[in-house]
Amino acid sequence: MAEKFDSLEEHLEKFVENIRQLGIIVSDFQPSSQTGLNQKLNFMVTGLQDIDKCRQQLHDISVPLEVFE
């Protein structure tokens, strides 16, 4: 069962790291960093698509409400 979560965990970790790097680029934005910003935004879109694909493997998993408290 844990194998189902490995892919999701990997994609989430990459996505979070990409968001962190994006924040650095945006906070110190220079016109010369536009290309890097565009790349990171494209990686975000791809990352969200990858996370969405993982959803199909986990559709039968239910999370107790206590987890969110």
N, C-alpha and C. Protein backbone atom coordinates (compact mmCIF):
# COMPACT_ATOMS: atom_id res chain seq x y z
N MET A 1 0.83 -1.19 0.00
CA MET A 1 0.00 0.00 0.00
C MET A 1 0.87 1.26 0.00
N ALA A 2 2.00 1.20 0.67
CA ALA A 2 2.87 2.38 0.76
C ALA A 2 3.40 2.78 -0.62
N GLU A 3 3.51 1.82 -1.52
CA GLU A 3 4.00 2.13 -2.87
C GLU A 3 3.10 3.13 -3.58
N LYS A 4 1.82 3.09 -3.25
CA LYS A 4 0.87 4.03 -3.86
C LYS A 4 1.22 5.47 -3.51
N PHE A 5 1.76 5.65 -2.32
CA PHE A 5 2.05 7.00 -1.85
C PHE A 5 3.43 7.50 -2.26
N ASP A 6 4.33 6.59 -2.64
CA ASP A 6 5.69 6.99 -2.98
C ASP A 6 5.74 7.98 -4.13
N SER A 7 4.99 7.70 -5.17
CA SER A 7 4.98 8.60 -6.33
C SER A 7 4.40 9.95 -5.95
N LEU A 8 3.31 9.95 -5.22
CA LEU A 8 2.69 11.20 -4.78
C LEU A 8 3.65 11.99 -3.90
N GLU A 9 4.31 11.31 -2.98
CA GLU A 9 5.26 11.98 -2.09
C GLU A 9 6.40 12.62 -2.90
N GLU A 10 6.91 11.89 -3.86
CA GLU A 10 8.00 12.42 -4.70
C GLU A 10 7.55 13.66 -5.47
N HIS A 11 6.37 13.60 -6.07
CA HIS A 11 5.85 14.74 -6.83
C HIS A 11 5.58 15.94 -5.92
N LEU A 12 5.06 15.69 -4.73
CA LEU A 12 4.80 16.78 -3.79
C LEU A 12 6.10 17.44 -3.32
N GLU A 13 7.11 16.63 -3.07
CA GLU A 13 8.40 17.19 -2.65
C GLU A 13 9.00 18.06 -3.75
N LYS A 14 8.94 17.59 -4.99
CA LYS A 14 9.45 18.38 -6.12
C LYS A 14 8.65 19.68 -6.27
N PHE A 15 7.34 19.58 -6.09
CA PHE A 15 6.48 20.74 -6.24
C PHE A 15 6.79 21.79 -5.17
N VAL A 16 6.95 21.33 -3.93
CA VAL A 16 7.25 22.26 -2.84
C VAL A 16 8.60 22.93 -3.07
N GLU A 17 9.59 22.17 -3.51
CA GLU A 17 10.91 22.75 -3.80
C GLU A 17 10.81 23.77 -4.93
N ASN A 18 10.02 23.47 -5.93
CA ASN A 18 9.83 24.40 -7.04
C ASN A 18 9.17 25.69 -6.56
N ILE A 19 8.20 25.57 -5.68
CA ILE A 19 7.53 26.75 -5.11
C ILE A 19 8.53 27.59 -4.31
N ARG A 20 9.39 26.93 -3.54
CA ARG A 20 10.41 27.64 -2.76
C ARG A 20 11.33 28.42 -3.68
N GLN A 21 11.80 27.77 -4.75
CA GLN A 21 12.69 28.44 -5.70
C GLN A 21 11.96 29.58 -6.42
N LEU A 22 10.71 29.37 -6.73
CA LEU A 22 9.92 30.41 -7.38
C LEU A 22 9.80 31.63 -6.47
N GLY A 23 9.61 31.41 -5.19
CA GLY A 23 9.54 32.52 -4.23
C GLY A 23 10.82 33.32 -4.19
N ILE A 24 11.95 32.65 -4.29
CA ILE A 24 13.24 33.33 -4.30
C ILE A 24 13.37 34.19 -5.56
N ILE A 25 13.00 33.63 -6.69
CA ILE A 25 13.09 34.38 -7.95
C ILE A 25 12.20 35.61 -7.91
N VAL A 26 10.98 35.43 -7.42
CA VAL A 26 10.01 36.53 -7.40
C VAL A 26 10.43 37.62 -6.40
N SER A 27 10.95 37.20 -5.25
CA SER A 27 11.30 38.20 -4.23
C SER A 27 12.48 39.07 -4.65
N ASP A 28 13.32 38.55 -5.52
CA ASP A 28 14.48 39.31 -5.97
C ASP A 28 14.43 39.46 -7.50
N PHE A 29 13.24 39.75 -8.02
CA PHE A 29 13.04 39.74 -9.47
C PHE A 29 13.83 40.85 -10.17
N GLN A 30 14.48 40.43 -11.23
CA GLN A 30 15.17 41.33 -12.15
C GLN A 30 14.67 40.98 -13.55
N PRO A 31 14.60 41.94 -14.44
CA PRO A 31 14.14 41.62 -15.81
C PRO A 31 14.93 40.48 -16.45
N SER A 32 16.19 40.35 -16.09
CA SER A 32 17.01 39.28 -16.67
C SER A 32 16.60 37.89 -16.16
N SER A 33 15.82 37.83 -15.09
CA SER A 33 15.40 36.53 -14.56
C SER A 33 14.03 36.10 -15.08
N GLN A 34 13.52 36.79 -16.09
CA GLN A 34 12.22 36.45 -16.65
C GLN A 34 12.18 35.03 -17.21
N THR A 35 13.25 34.62 -17.88
CA THR A 35 13.29 33.27 -18.45
C THR A 35 13.21 32.22 -17.35
N GLY A 36 13.97 32.42 -16.28
CA GLY A 36 13.93 31.48 -15.15
C GLY A 36 12.57 31.44 -14.49
N LEU A 37 11.94 32.59 -14.38
CA LEU A 37 10.59 32.67 -13.82
C LEU A 37 9.61 31.89 -14.69
N ASN A 38 9.70 32.08 -15.98
CA ASN A 38 8.80 31.36 -16.90
C ASN A 38 9.01 29.85 -16.80
N GLN A 39 10.27 29.43 -16.66
CA GLN A 39 10.56 28.00 -16.52
C GLN A 39 9.93 27.44 -15.25
N LYS A 40 10.08 28.17 -14.15
CA LYS A 40 9.53 27.70 -12.88
C LYS A 40 8.00 27.63 -12.94
N LEU A 41 7.39 28.59 -13.61
CA LEU A 41 5.93 28.56 -13.75
C LEU A 41 5.50 27.34 -14.58
N ASN A 42 6.25 27.05 -15.62
CA ASN A 42 5.94 25.86 -16.43
C ASN A 42 6.14 24.59 -15.61
N PHE A 43 7.19 24.55 -14.76
CA PHE A 43 7.40 23.39 -13.89
C PHE A 43 6.25 23.25 -12.90
N MET A 44 5.70 24.37 -12.44
CA MET A 44 4.56 24.31 -11.53
C MET A 44 3.36 23.66 -12.20
N VAL A 45 3.09 24.06 -13.43
CA VAL A 45 1.96 23.49 -14.17
C VAL A 45 2.17 22.00 -14.36
N THR A 46 3.38 21.62 -14.78
CA THR A 46 3.69 20.21 -14.97
C THR A 46 3.58 19.44 -13.66
N GLY A 47 4.06 20.05 -12.58
CA GLY A 47 3.99 19.41 -11.26
C GLY A 47 2.56 19.18 -10.82
N LEU A 48 1.69 20.15 -11.05
CA LEU A 48 0.28 19.99 -10.70
C LEU A 48 -0.37 18.89 -11.54
N GLN A 49 0.02 18.80 -12.80
CA GLN A 49 -0.50 17.73 -13.66
C GLN A 49 -0.04 16.36 -13.17
N ASP A 50 1.22 16.27 -12.74
CA ASP A 50 1.73 15.00 -12.21
C ASP A 50 1.02 14.61 -10.93
N ILE A 51 0.76 15.59 -10.05
CA ILE A 51 0.04 15.31 -8.81
C ILE A 51 -1.38 14.85 -9.13
N ASP A 52 -2.00 15.46 -10.12
CA ASP A 52 -3.35 15.06 -10.51
C ASP A 52 -3.37 13.63 -11.04
N LYS A 53 -2.33 13.23 -11.75
CA LYS A 53 -2.26 11.85 -12.26
C LYS A 53 -2.17 10.85 -11.11
N CYS A 54 -1.51 11.24 -10.03
CA CYS A 54 -1.41 10.35 -8.86
C CYS A 54 -2.77 10.13 -8.22
N ARG A 55 -3.65 11.07 -8.39
CA ARG A 55 -4.99 10.99 -7.80
C ARG A 55 -5.72 9.74 -8.26
N GLN A 56 -5.51 9.34 -9.50
CA GLN A 56 -6.18 8.17 -10.05
C GLN A 56 -5.79 6.89 -9.30
N GLN A 57 -4.54 6.84 -8.82
CA GLN A 57 -4.08 5.66 -8.09
C GLN A 57 -4.60 5.64 -6.66
N LEU A 58 -5.02 6.79 -6.15
CA LEU A 58 -5.40 6.89 -4.74
C LEU A 58 -6.89 7.14 -4.53
N HIS A 59 -7.69 6.93 -5.56
CA HIS A 59 -9.12 7.25 -5.46
C HIS A 59 -9.84 6.41 -4.40
N ASP A 60 -9.29 5.25 -4.05
CA ASP A 60 -9.97 4.37 -3.09
C ASP A 60 -9.49 4.58 -1.65
N ILE A 61 -8.66 5.57 -1.41
CA ILE A 61 -8.13 5.86 -0.08
C ILE A 61 -9.00 6.90 0.61
N SER A 62 -9.38 6.63 1.85
CA SER A 62 -10.14 7.64 2.59
C SER A 62 -9.27 8.12 3.76
N VAL A 63 -9.28 9.39 3.99
CA VAL A 63 -8.49 10.01 5.05
C VAL A 63 -9.42 10.42 6.17
N PRO A 64 -9.12 9.99 7.40
CA PRO A 64 -9.97 10.38 8.53
C PRO A 64 -9.93 11.89 8.75
N LEU A 65 -11.04 12.47 9.15
CA LEU A 65 -11.10 13.91 9.38
C LEU A 65 -10.15 14.37 10.47
N GLU A 66 -9.81 13.50 11.41
CA GLU A 66 -8.91 13.85 12.49
C GLU A 66 -7.53 14.28 11.97
N VAL A 67 -7.15 13.79 10.83
CA VAL A 67 -5.85 14.13 10.24
C VAL A 67 -5.76 15.63 9.96
N PHE A 68 -6.87 16.24 9.63
CA PHE A 68 -6.89 17.64 9.24
C PHE A 68 -7.04 18.60 10.42
N GLU A 69 -7.24 18.07 11.60
CA GLU A 69 -7.44 18.92 12.77
C GLU A 69 -6.13 19.42 13.32
